Every structure is written in C-alpha cells, then in structure tokens.
Amino acid sequence: MKNICLSLGLVLTGLLFTTSAFGQSKGKFQDSTFTVRGVCDMCEERIEDAALIKGVRSAEWDRHTQTIRVIYKTKQVNADEIKTAIAKAGHDTDEILAEDEAYAKLPDCCAYRDGVKVH
C-alpha cells in the first residue's frame, strides 16, 4: 500500500512539472481593450486585419463603442506595436494617431476626423 501511494505521488508530481513546463513554453496571453476610431464595416475589417500582427491571437473591433479587444502573446508583441500597426492602416487609437498620409488613403465613407461621417 505504501509503495502504491509513493508511486502515485511521484506520478502526480511528474505530471505537475510537465504541465508547468508546457504552459511556460506557450507564453502568457494578454487581453487588452483600447479605443480605435472608425465608421463602418470596411473600417472594421481594415482595423481587425491591421491588428492581426505576429503574436496577436484575436482582434475584435466594435463600431458602437469605438473599441478593439485584442488577445496577444506578451513575449511576441505589445499593445503599442498593435496600436502602431492600426495607425499605419489609417485609424487613430487612444495613444497613436494615424499619419495624415495613411488617413488620406481611406475611402471617403471611412472619414471620421473633424466630426465628419459620411454614413
């Protein structure tokens, strides 16, 4: 009986360390939400596509709240890099504004600055 308990304890300890090792190799995921300006379904597609850089697991933009929720691997990417990628696509975030050249390339229906909304 003593040997069975000892063996079971060793197996469980081994499983614990194995699970921990696998968990660490995957890295930590961060769930963040921040503001991204846009107007329409075309904006949604552009914003989400721009956010899906290496290390980003998912990106969902909500037109009504003007927010994006991203889940990303902290060892590969950070929130500022995601915001920069979105800004390069022409959309302002809460911390990084799109350059005028990138914004100018947006279709007219996607204009959101200066209170302009074509929809």
N, C-alpha and C. Protein backbone atom coordinates (compact mmCIF):
# COMPACT_ATOMS: atom_id res chain seq x y z
N MET A 1 0.83 -1.19 0.00
CA MET A 1 0.00 0.00 0.00
C MET A 1 0.87 1.26 0.00
N LYS A 2 1.98 1.17 0.80
CA LYS A 2 2.89 2.29 0.90
C LYS A 2 3.54 2.58 -0.46
N ASN A 3 3.90 1.52 -1.17
CA ASN A 3 4.54 1.67 -2.49
C ASN A 3 3.58 2.27 -3.51
N ILE A 4 2.31 1.90 -3.43
CA ILE A 4 1.31 2.43 -4.35
C ILE A 4 1.13 3.93 -4.13
N CYS A 5 1.03 4.35 -2.88
CA CYS A 5 0.88 5.78 -2.56
C CYS A 5 2.11 6.56 -3.00
N LEU A 6 3.28 6.01 -2.77
CA LEU A 6 4.53 6.66 -3.16
C LEU A 6 4.60 6.79 -4.68
N SER A 7 4.25 5.72 -5.38
CA SER A 7 4.26 5.74 -6.85
C SER A 7 3.26 6.75 -7.39
N LEU A 8 2.08 6.76 -6.83
CA LEU A 8 1.04 7.70 -7.24
C LEU A 8 1.49 9.14 -7.00
N GLY A 9 2.13 9.38 -5.87
CA GLY A 9 2.64 10.72 -5.56
C GLY A 9 3.70 11.16 -6.55
N LEU A 10 4.59 10.25 -6.93
CA LEU A 10 5.63 10.57 -7.91
C LEU A 10 5.04 10.86 -9.28
N VAL A 11 4.05 10.08 -9.67
CA VAL A 11 3.40 10.29 -10.97
C VAL A 11 2.70 11.65 -10.99
N LEU A 12 1.97 11.96 -9.94
CA LEU A 12 1.28 13.25 -9.88
C LEU A 12 2.25 14.42 -9.87
N THR A 13 3.35 14.29 -9.16
CA THR A 13 4.37 15.33 -9.14
C THR A 13 4.97 15.51 -10.53
N GLY A 14 5.24 14.41 -11.20
CA GLY A 14 5.77 14.47 -12.57
C GLY A 14 4.81 15.14 -13.52
N LEU A 15 3.53 14.84 -13.40
CA LEU A 15 2.52 15.49 -14.24
C LEU A 15 2.44 16.99 -13.97
N LEU A 16 2.56 17.37 -12.72
CA LEU A 16 2.52 18.78 -12.36
C LEU A 16 3.66 19.54 -13.03
N PHE A 17 4.87 19.00 -12.96
CA PHE A 17 6.02 19.65 -13.57
C PHE A 17 5.92 19.66 -15.09
N THR A 18 5.41 18.59 -15.67
CA THR A 18 5.25 18.52 -17.12
C THR A 18 4.24 19.56 -17.58
N THR A 19 3.12 19.69 -16.90
CA THR A 19 2.11 20.68 -17.25
C THR A 19 2.67 22.07 -17.12
N SER A 20 3.42 22.35 -16.07
CA SER A 20 4.01 23.67 -15.89
C SER A 20 4.99 23.99 -17.01
N ALA A 21 5.78 23.02 -17.40
CA ALA A 21 6.77 23.24 -18.45
C ALA A 21 6.08 23.54 -19.78
N PHE A 22 5.02 22.81 -20.09
CA PHE A 22 4.30 23.08 -21.33
C PHE A 22 3.63 24.44 -21.28
N GLY A 23 3.07 24.82 -20.16
CA GLY A 23 2.42 26.12 -20.01
C GLY A 23 3.39 27.26 -20.21
N GLN A 24 4.62 27.12 -19.74
CA GLN A 24 5.60 28.19 -19.88
C GLN A 24 6.08 28.33 -21.31
N SER A 25 6.14 27.24 -22.05
CA SER A 25 6.63 27.33 -23.42
C SER A 25 5.64 28.08 -24.31
N LYS A 26 4.38 28.07 -23.96
CA LYS A 26 3.39 28.77 -24.76
C LYS A 26 3.44 30.28 -24.55
N GLY A 27 3.87 30.72 -23.40
CA GLY A 27 3.92 32.15 -23.12
C GLY A 27 2.60 32.65 -22.57
N LYS A 28 2.64 33.88 -22.06
CA LYS A 28 1.44 34.47 -21.49
C LYS A 28 0.66 35.23 -22.53
N PHE A 29 -0.64 35.16 -22.41
CA PHE A 29 -1.52 35.95 -23.27
C PHE A 29 -2.08 37.12 -22.47
N GLN A 30 -2.19 38.25 -23.13
CA GLN A 30 -2.75 39.46 -22.53
C GLN A 30 -4.04 39.78 -23.26
N ASP A 31 -5.03 40.19 -22.53
CA ASP A 31 -6.31 40.62 -23.08
C ASP A 31 -6.41 42.12 -22.84
N SER A 32 -6.44 42.91 -23.92
CA SER A 32 -6.48 44.37 -23.79
C SER A 32 -7.60 44.95 -24.64
N THR A 33 -8.15 46.05 -24.16
CA THR A 33 -9.16 46.78 -24.91
C THR A 33 -8.74 48.24 -24.96
N PHE A 34 -8.81 48.84 -26.15
CA PHE A 34 -8.48 50.25 -26.28
C PHE A 34 -9.29 50.88 -27.41
N THR A 35 -9.27 52.19 -27.46
CA THR A 35 -10.06 52.94 -28.42
C THR A 35 -9.40 52.95 -29.79
N VAL A 36 -10.22 52.74 -30.83
CA VAL A 36 -9.79 52.88 -32.22
C VAL A 36 -10.94 53.55 -32.97
N ARG A 37 -10.63 54.65 -33.66
CA ARG A 37 -11.66 55.39 -34.38
C ARG A 37 -11.93 54.79 -35.75
N GLY A 38 -13.20 54.72 -36.09
CA GLY A 38 -13.64 54.20 -37.38
C GLY A 38 -15.12 54.45 -37.55
N VAL A 39 -15.67 54.03 -38.70
CA VAL A 39 -17.05 54.36 -39.01
C VAL A 39 -17.89 53.15 -39.42
N CYS A 40 -17.36 52.33 -40.30
CA CYS A 40 -18.23 51.36 -40.98
C CYS A 40 -17.66 49.94 -40.96
N ASP A 41 -18.33 49.05 -41.71
CA ASP A 41 -17.88 47.66 -41.81
C ASP A 41 -16.52 47.56 -42.50
N MET A 42 -16.27 48.44 -43.47
CA MET A 42 -14.96 48.44 -44.13
C MET A 42 -13.88 48.81 -43.12
N CYS A 43 -14.18 49.76 -42.24
CA CYS A 43 -13.24 50.14 -41.18
C CYS A 43 -12.98 48.95 -40.27
N GLU A 44 -14.05 48.27 -39.90
CA GLU A 44 -13.91 47.10 -39.01
C GLU A 44 -12.95 46.08 -39.60
N GLU A 45 -13.15 45.76 -40.86
CA GLU A 45 -12.28 44.77 -41.50
C GLU A 45 -10.83 45.26 -41.55
N ARG A 46 -10.63 46.53 -41.90
CA ARG A 46 -9.29 47.09 -42.00
C ARG A 46 -8.60 47.13 -40.63
N ILE A 47 -9.32 47.55 -39.61
CA ILE A 47 -8.77 47.66 -38.25
C ILE A 47 -8.39 46.28 -37.72
N GLU A 48 -9.30 45.33 -37.85
CA GLU A 48 -9.02 43.98 -37.35
C GLU A 48 -7.86 43.33 -38.10
N ASP A 49 -7.83 43.51 -39.42
CA ASP A 49 -6.73 42.95 -40.21
C ASP A 49 -5.40 43.57 -39.81
N ALA A 50 -5.39 44.89 -39.60
CA ALA A 50 -4.16 45.59 -39.22
C ALA A 50 -3.67 45.12 -37.85
N ALA A 51 -4.59 44.83 -36.96
CA ALA A 51 -4.23 44.41 -35.60
C ALA A 51 -3.67 43.00 -35.55
N LEU A 52 -3.96 42.19 -36.54
CA LEU A 52 -3.54 40.79 -36.52
C LEU A 52 -2.09 40.62 -36.98
N ILE A 53 -1.19 41.24 -36.24
CA ILE A 53 0.24 41.09 -36.50
C ILE A 53 0.74 39.86 -35.74
N LYS A 54 2.00 39.50 -35.97
CA LYS A 54 2.56 38.31 -35.33
C LYS A 54 2.44 38.41 -33.81
N GLY A 55 1.88 37.38 -33.22
CA GLY A 55 1.71 37.33 -31.77
C GLY A 55 0.30 37.66 -31.32
N VAL A 56 -0.52 38.21 -32.21
CA VAL A 56 -1.91 38.55 -31.86
C VAL A 56 -2.79 37.34 -32.18
N ARG A 57 -3.50 36.90 -31.18
CA ARG A 57 -4.36 35.72 -31.33
C ARG A 57 -5.72 36.09 -31.90
N SER A 58 -6.29 37.21 -31.44
CA SER A 58 -7.58 37.64 -31.96
C SER A 58 -7.74 39.15 -31.81
N ALA A 59 -8.58 39.72 -32.67
CA ALA A 59 -8.87 41.15 -32.64
C ALA A 59 -10.32 41.35 -33.05
N GLU A 60 -11.08 42.04 -32.20
CA GLU A 60 -12.49 42.30 -32.49
C GLU A 60 -12.79 43.76 -32.20
N TRP A 61 -13.15 44.52 -33.26
CA TRP A 61 -13.45 45.94 -33.12
C TRP A 61 -14.96 46.13 -33.07
N ASP A 62 -15.43 46.99 -32.18
CA ASP A 62 -16.85 47.30 -32.03
C ASP A 62 -17.08 48.74 -32.48
N ARG A 63 -17.81 48.90 -33.56
CA ARG A 63 -18.08 50.23 -34.13
C ARG A 63 -18.83 51.13 -33.16
N HIS A 64 -19.74 50.59 -32.38
CA HIS A 64 -20.57 51.41 -31.49
C HIS A 64 -19.78 51.96 -30.30
N THR A 65 -18.89 51.17 -29.76
CA THR A 65 -18.10 51.63 -28.62
C THR A 65 -16.75 52.20 -29.03
N GLN A 66 -16.41 52.04 -30.33
CA GLN A 66 -15.13 52.51 -30.87
C GLN A 66 -13.95 51.89 -30.11
N THR A 67 -14.10 50.62 -29.75
CA THR A 67 -13.03 49.92 -29.04
C THR A 67 -12.68 48.61 -29.74
N ILE A 68 -11.45 48.21 -29.55
CA ILE A 68 -10.99 46.92 -30.06
C ILE A 68 -10.52 46.10 -28.87
N ARG A 69 -10.84 44.82 -28.92
CA ARG A 69 -10.35 43.88 -27.91
C ARG A 69 -9.36 42.97 -28.61
N VAL A 70 -8.14 42.94 -28.09
CA VAL A 70 -7.10 42.10 -28.67
C VAL A 70 -6.57 41.15 -27.61
N ILE A 71 -6.27 39.95 -28.04
CA ILE A 71 -5.62 38.96 -27.19
C ILE A 71 -4.31 38.63 -27.89
N TYR A 72 -3.22 38.82 -27.16
CA TYR A 72 -1.91 38.66 -27.79
C TYR A 72 -0.90 38.03 -26.84
N LYS A 73 0.14 37.47 -27.43
CA LYS A 73 1.21 36.81 -26.70
C LYS A 73 2.22 37.87 -26.27
N THR A 74 2.40 38.03 -24.97
CA THR A 74 3.25 39.10 -24.44
C THR A 74 4.72 38.93 -24.78
N LYS A 75 5.16 37.73 -25.07
CA LYS A 75 6.56 37.52 -25.44
C LYS A 75 6.84 37.90 -26.89
N GLN A 76 5.80 38.07 -27.70
CA GLN A 76 5.99 38.36 -29.12
C GLN A 76 5.61 39.79 -29.51
N VAL A 77 4.69 40.39 -28.79
CA VAL A 77 4.18 41.69 -29.20
C VAL A 77 3.63 42.43 -27.98
N ASN A 78 3.51 43.76 -28.09
CA ASN A 78 2.90 44.53 -27.01
C ASN A 78 1.81 45.44 -27.58
N ALA A 79 1.06 46.07 -26.71
CA ALA A 79 -0.08 46.89 -27.13
C ALA A 79 0.35 48.05 -28.03
N ASP A 80 1.49 48.67 -27.75
CA ASP A 80 1.96 49.79 -28.57
C ASP A 80 2.25 49.35 -30.00
N GLU A 81 2.78 48.16 -30.18
CA GLU A 81 3.05 47.65 -31.53
C GLU A 81 1.74 47.40 -32.28
N ILE A 82 0.74 46.93 -31.59
CA ILE A 82 -0.57 46.70 -32.21
C ILE A 82 -1.19 48.04 -32.59
N LYS A 83 -1.13 49.01 -31.70
CA LYS A 83 -1.67 50.34 -31.97
C LYS A 83 -0.96 51.00 -33.14
N THR A 84 0.35 50.82 -33.23
CA THR A 84 1.12 51.37 -34.34
C THR A 84 0.69 50.75 -35.67
N ALA A 85 0.47 49.45 -35.69
CA ALA A 85 0.02 48.76 -36.91
C ALA A 85 -1.35 49.28 -37.34
N ILE A 86 -2.24 49.52 -36.38
CA ILE A 86 -3.57 50.05 -36.70
C ILE A 86 -3.46 51.47 -37.24
N ALA A 87 -2.61 52.28 -36.62
CA ALA A 87 -2.41 53.66 -37.07
C ALA A 87 -1.84 53.70 -38.48
N LYS A 88 -0.96 52.77 -38.81
CA LYS A 88 -0.40 52.72 -40.16
C LYS A 88 -1.47 52.42 -41.20
N ALA A 89 -2.55 51.77 -40.77
CA ALA A 89 -3.67 51.47 -41.67
C ALA A 89 -4.61 52.66 -41.81
N GLY A 90 -4.36 53.75 -41.05
CA GLY A 90 -5.15 54.96 -41.20
C GLY A 90 -6.13 55.24 -40.08
N HIS A 91 -6.09 54.48 -39.00
CA HIS A 91 -7.05 54.66 -37.91
C HIS A 91 -6.37 55.11 -36.63
N ASP A 92 -6.93 56.16 -36.02
CA ASP A 92 -6.40 56.70 -34.77
C ASP A 92 -6.74 55.76 -33.61
N THR A 93 -5.77 55.61 -32.70
CA THR A 93 -6.03 54.86 -31.47
C THR A 93 -6.00 55.85 -30.31
N ASP A 94 -6.21 55.35 -29.11
CA ASP A 94 -6.22 56.24 -27.95
C ASP A 94 -4.87 56.88 -27.68
N GLU A 95 -3.79 56.29 -28.17
CA GLU A 95 -2.46 56.83 -27.91
C GLU A 95 -1.66 57.17 -29.16
N ILE A 96 -1.98 56.55 -30.28
CA ILE A 96 -1.20 56.77 -31.50
C ILE A 96 -2.14 57.21 -32.62
N LEU A 97 -1.85 58.39 -33.18
CA LEU A 97 -2.66 58.91 -34.28
C LEU A 97 -2.09 58.44 -35.62
N ALA A 98 -2.99 58.15 -36.55
CA ALA A 98 -2.56 57.79 -37.90
C ALA A 98 -1.94 59.01 -38.56
N GLU A 99 -0.90 58.78 -39.35
CA GLU A 99 -0.32 59.88 -40.10
C GLU A 99 -1.32 60.34 -41.13
N ASP A 100 -1.25 61.63 -41.48
CA ASP A 100 -2.21 62.21 -42.42
C ASP A 100 -2.22 61.46 -43.76
N GLU A 101 -1.06 61.01 -44.21
CA GLU A 101 -0.99 60.28 -45.49
C GLU A 101 -1.77 58.97 -45.42
N ALA A 102 -1.66 58.26 -44.30
CA ALA A 102 -2.38 56.99 -44.14
C ALA A 102 -3.88 57.26 -44.04
N TYR A 103 -4.26 58.30 -43.30
CA TYR A 103 -5.68 58.64 -43.16
C TYR A 103 -6.27 59.05 -44.52
N ALA A 104 -5.51 59.80 -45.31
CA ALA A 104 -5.98 60.28 -46.62
C ALA A 104 -6.26 59.13 -47.59
N LYS A 105 -5.63 57.98 -47.37
CA LYS A 105 -5.83 56.83 -48.26
C LYS A 105 -7.14 56.08 -47.97
N LEU A 106 -7.80 56.41 -46.85
CA LEU A 106 -9.06 55.74 -46.52
C LEU A 106 -10.13 56.17 -47.50
N PRO A 107 -11.07 55.27 -47.81
CA PRO A 107 -12.21 55.67 -48.65
C PRO A 107 -13.00 56.80 -47.97
N ASP A 108 -13.69 57.60 -48.76
CA ASP A 108 -14.46 58.73 -48.22
C ASP A 108 -15.46 58.29 -47.15
N CYS A 109 -16.04 57.12 -47.32
CA CYS A 109 -17.04 56.66 -46.35
C CYS A 109 -16.42 56.31 -45.00
N CYS A 110 -15.11 56.24 -44.95
CA CYS A 110 -14.42 55.89 -43.70
C CYS A 110 -13.88 57.11 -42.95
N ALA A 111 -14.19 58.31 -43.44
CA ALA A 111 -13.71 59.54 -42.79
C ALA A 111 -14.34 59.67 -41.41
N TYR A 112 -13.52 59.89 -40.40
CA TYR A 112 -14.02 60.00 -39.04
C TYR A 112 -13.48 61.23 -38.31
N ARG A 113 -12.49 61.92 -38.83
CA ARG A 113 -11.91 63.07 -38.17
C ARG A 113 -12.77 64.31 -38.36
N ASP A 114 -12.64 65.26 -37.47
CA ASP A 114 -13.34 66.55 -37.52
C ASP A 114 -14.86 66.39 -37.56
N GLY A 115 -15.34 65.33 -36.93
CA GLY A 115 -16.78 65.13 -36.85
C GLY A 115 -17.43 64.74 -38.16
N VAL A 116 -16.64 64.45 -39.18
CA VAL A 116 -17.18 64.07 -40.48
C VAL A 116 -17.55 62.60 -40.48
N LYS A 117 -18.78 62.34 -40.81
CA LYS A 117 -19.22 60.95 -41.01
C LYS A 117 -20.09 60.95 -42.25
N VAL A 118 -19.69 60.21 -43.24
CA VAL A 118 -20.40 60.19 -44.49
C VAL A 118 -21.64 59.31 -44.40
N HIS A 119 -21.64 58.33 -43.52
CA HIS A 119 -22.78 57.40 -43.41
C HIS A 119 -23.99 58.06 -42.84
